[in-house]
Amino acid sequence: MDKCIIHVQLNDGARLPVYSSGQAAGADLCACLGNGETMTLEPHKWALVPTGLRIALPVGFEAQVRPRSGLAAKAGISVLNSPGTIDSDYRGEVKVILINHSDVPFVINDGDRIAQMVIARHETASFEIVTSLDETERGQGGFGSTGV
């Protein structure tokens, strides 16, 4: 399978996304706050954290911004709108909405790995109005209807 090529522009001090291992699905995104700058995320609050990164995705691809499991497990830090979606026609700076689910302030340093970005193919669907839908075994069963 061909590799997807992502064109990238970096602000001063920004870091290129990096895969932490050869089989990693997500590339780490880093905070771009300015040389030596920090940002404090207060308990139970959220903030938009800049990455200094702008990308151009090929048509038919999206970038999903997801939490880093270590930050979530160790510090209660997550991506609020996870997964955040970056569309192929967006050209602005990639920013990450981080939320602090803990009871203590969390300090973000310039260059800290704050999230991960997964590149995925997607389809654009056509929506067609019909008068009925085909029947299934599940039917209208909603939350919890297939078990706990």
Protein backbone atom coordinates (compact mmCIF):
# COMPACT_ATOMS: atom_id res chain seq x y z
CA MET A 1 0.00 0.00 0.00
CA ASP A 2 1.29 3.46 -0.86
CA LYS A 3 2.15 5.82 1.96
CA CYS A 4 -0.04 8.87 2.41
CA ILE A 5 2.05 12.03 1.98
CA ILE A 6 1.10 14.95 4.24
CA HIS A 7 2.43 18.41 3.37
CA VAL A 8 3.41 20.29 6.53
CA GLN A 9 4.17 23.90 7.43
CA LEU A 10 5.75 24.58 10.81
CA ASN A 11 5.71 27.79 12.86
CA ASP A 12 8.99 28.78 14.53
CA GLY A 13 9.70 26.28 17.29
CA ALA A 14 7.07 23.78 16.14
CA ARG A 15 7.93 20.10 15.92
CA LEU A 16 7.07 17.67 13.15
CA PRO A 17 4.68 14.89 14.29
CA VAL A 18 6.65 11.73 15.13
CA TYR A 19 5.62 8.09 15.39
CA SER A 20 7.01 6.71 18.67
CA SER A 21 7.45 3.20 17.29
CA GLY A 22 7.56 1.46 13.93
CA GLN A 23 4.01 0.15 14.33
CA ALA A 24 2.40 3.19 16.01
CA ALA A 25 -0.92 4.26 14.47
CA GLY A 26 -0.71 7.79 15.87
CA ALA A 27 2.02 10.38 15.48
CA ASP A 28 2.68 12.51 18.56
CA LEU A 29 1.66 16.16 18.44
CA CYS A 30 3.65 18.63 20.56
CA ALA A 31 2.68 21.91 22.18
CA CYS A 32 4.15 24.98 20.49
CA LEU A 33 4.01 27.71 23.13
CA GLY A 34 7.19 29.64 22.42
CA ASN A 35 10.70 28.99 23.65
CA GLY A 36 10.54 28.09 27.34
CA GLU A 37 6.89 29.12 27.72
CA THR A 38 4.41 27.10 29.77
CA MET A 39 0.65 26.87 30.05
CA THR A 40 -1.24 25.75 33.15
CA LEU A 41 -4.40 23.75 32.71
CA GLU A 42 -6.44 24.20 35.87
CA PRO A 43 -8.44 21.29 37.35
CA HIS A 44 -11.65 20.45 35.45
CA LYS A 45 -10.93 23.15 32.83
CA TRP A 46 -10.01 22.94 29.16
CA ALA A 47 -7.88 25.02 26.82
CA LEU A 48 -6.89 25.26 23.19
CA VAL A 49 -3.22 24.28 22.90
CA PRO A 50 -1.35 25.34 19.74
CA THR A 51 0.91 22.90 17.89
CA GLY A 52 2.42 25.35 15.40
CA LEU A 53 1.54 22.84 12.69
CA ARG A 54 -0.46 23.32 9.49
CA ILE A 55 -1.14 20.35 7.24
CA ALA A 56 -2.53 19.60 3.79
CA LEU A 57 -4.15 16.18 3.61
CA PRO A 58 -4.95 14.46 0.32
CA VAL A 59 -8.64 14.39 -0.65
CA GLY A 60 -10.26 11.31 0.88
CA PHE A 61 -8.18 11.50 4.08
CA GLU A 62 -8.77 13.00 7.50
CA ALA A 63 -6.56 13.45 10.54
CA GLN A 64 -8.01 12.37 13.89
CA VAL A 65 -6.64 14.06 17.02
CA ARG A 66 -6.75 11.66 19.96
CA PRO A 67 -5.56 11.59 23.57
CA ARG A 68 -2.22 10.12 24.56
CA SER A 69 -2.91 7.16 26.83
CA GLY A 70 -0.02 7.98 29.17
CA LEU A 71 -1.30 11.51 29.83
CA ALA A 72 -4.80 10.18 30.46
CA ALA A 73 -3.68 7.35 32.77
CA LYS A 74 -1.03 9.29 34.72
CA ALA A 75 -2.44 12.82 34.86
CA GLY A 76 -6.12 12.73 33.84
CA ILE A 77 -5.43 14.81 30.72
CA SER A 78 -7.48 14.07 27.61
CA VAL A 79 -8.65 15.56 24.31
CA LEU A 80 -12.07 17.08 24.95
CA ASN A 81 -13.60 16.46 21.50
CA SER A 82 -11.91 13.12 20.98
CA PRO A 83 -11.40 12.27 18.28
CA GLY A 84 -11.13 15.74 16.82
CA THR A 85 -11.31 15.75 13.03
CA ILE A 86 -9.09 17.72 10.67
CA ASP A 87 -10.61 17.81 7.18
CA SER A 88 -8.54 17.73 4.01
CA ASP A 89 -9.56 21.29 3.09
CA TYR A 90 -8.54 22.86 6.44
CA ARG A 91 -5.36 24.93 6.30
CA GLY A 92 -5.28 26.61 9.70
CA GLU A 93 -3.05 25.72 12.62
CA VAL A 94 -3.78 22.39 14.27
CA LYS A 95 -4.81 23.09 17.86
CA VAL A 96 -5.74 20.56 20.51
CA ILE A 97 -8.55 21.04 23.04
CA LEU A 98 -7.07 19.50 26.19
CA ILE A 99 -9.12 18.94 29.34
CA ASN A 100 -7.82 18.35 32.85
CA HIS A 101 -10.05 15.75 34.53
CA SER A 102 -7.89 15.76 37.67
CA ASP A 103 -8.09 17.82 40.86
CA VAL A 104 -4.64 19.40 40.45
CA PRO A 105 -3.25 21.93 37.96
CA PHE A 106 -1.32 20.46 35.02
CA VAL A 107 1.59 22.35 33.48
CA ILE A 108 2.16 22.05 29.72
CA ASN A 109 5.67 22.91 28.60
CA ASP A 110 6.70 24.05 25.15
CA GLY A 111 7.48 20.87 23.19
CA ASP A 112 5.51 18.49 25.42
CA ARG A 113 3.73 15.65 23.61
CA ILE A 114 0.06 16.51 24.15
CA ALA A 115 -1.95 14.33 21.75
CA GLN A 116 -1.60 11.97 18.82
CA MET A 117 -2.75 12.29 15.25
CA VAL A 118 -4.07 9.33 13.26
CA ILE A 119 -4.39 9.66 9.48
CA ALA A 120 -7.39 7.77 8.08
CA ARG A 121 -9.16 7.32 4.77
CA HIS A 122 -12.83 8.28 4.70
CA GLU A 123 -15.79 8.11 2.37
CA THR A 124 -18.17 10.91 1.51
CA ALA A 125 -21.68 9.49 1.57
CA SER A 126 -24.82 10.44 -0.31
CA PHE A 127 -27.97 10.60 1.78
CA GLU A 128 -31.18 9.27 0.29
CA ILE A 129 -34.61 9.71 1.87
CA VAL A 130 -36.68 6.50 2.05
CA THR A 131 -40.04 5.65 3.61
CA SER A 132 -38.77 2.62 5.57
CA LEU A 133 -35.54 0.86 6.53
CA ASP A 134 -34.69 -2.83 6.26
CA GLU A 135 -35.38 -4.87 9.39
CA THR A 136 -32.58 -6.20 11.60
CA GLU A 137 -32.45 -8.48 14.62
CA ARG A 138 -31.53 -5.52 16.85
CA GLY A 139 -34.19 -3.23 15.45
CA GLN A 140 -34.66 -0.10 17.55
CA GLY A 141 -32.77 -1.45 20.56
CA GLY A 142 -30.55 1.37 21.81
CA PHE A 143 -28.05 1.85 24.62
CA GLY A 144 -27.33 -1.45 26.38
CA SER A 145 -29.74 -3.47 24.25
CA THR A 146 -27.07 -5.95 23.16
CA GLY A 147 -25.70 -6.49 26.67
CA VAL A 148 -23.65 -4.62 29.21
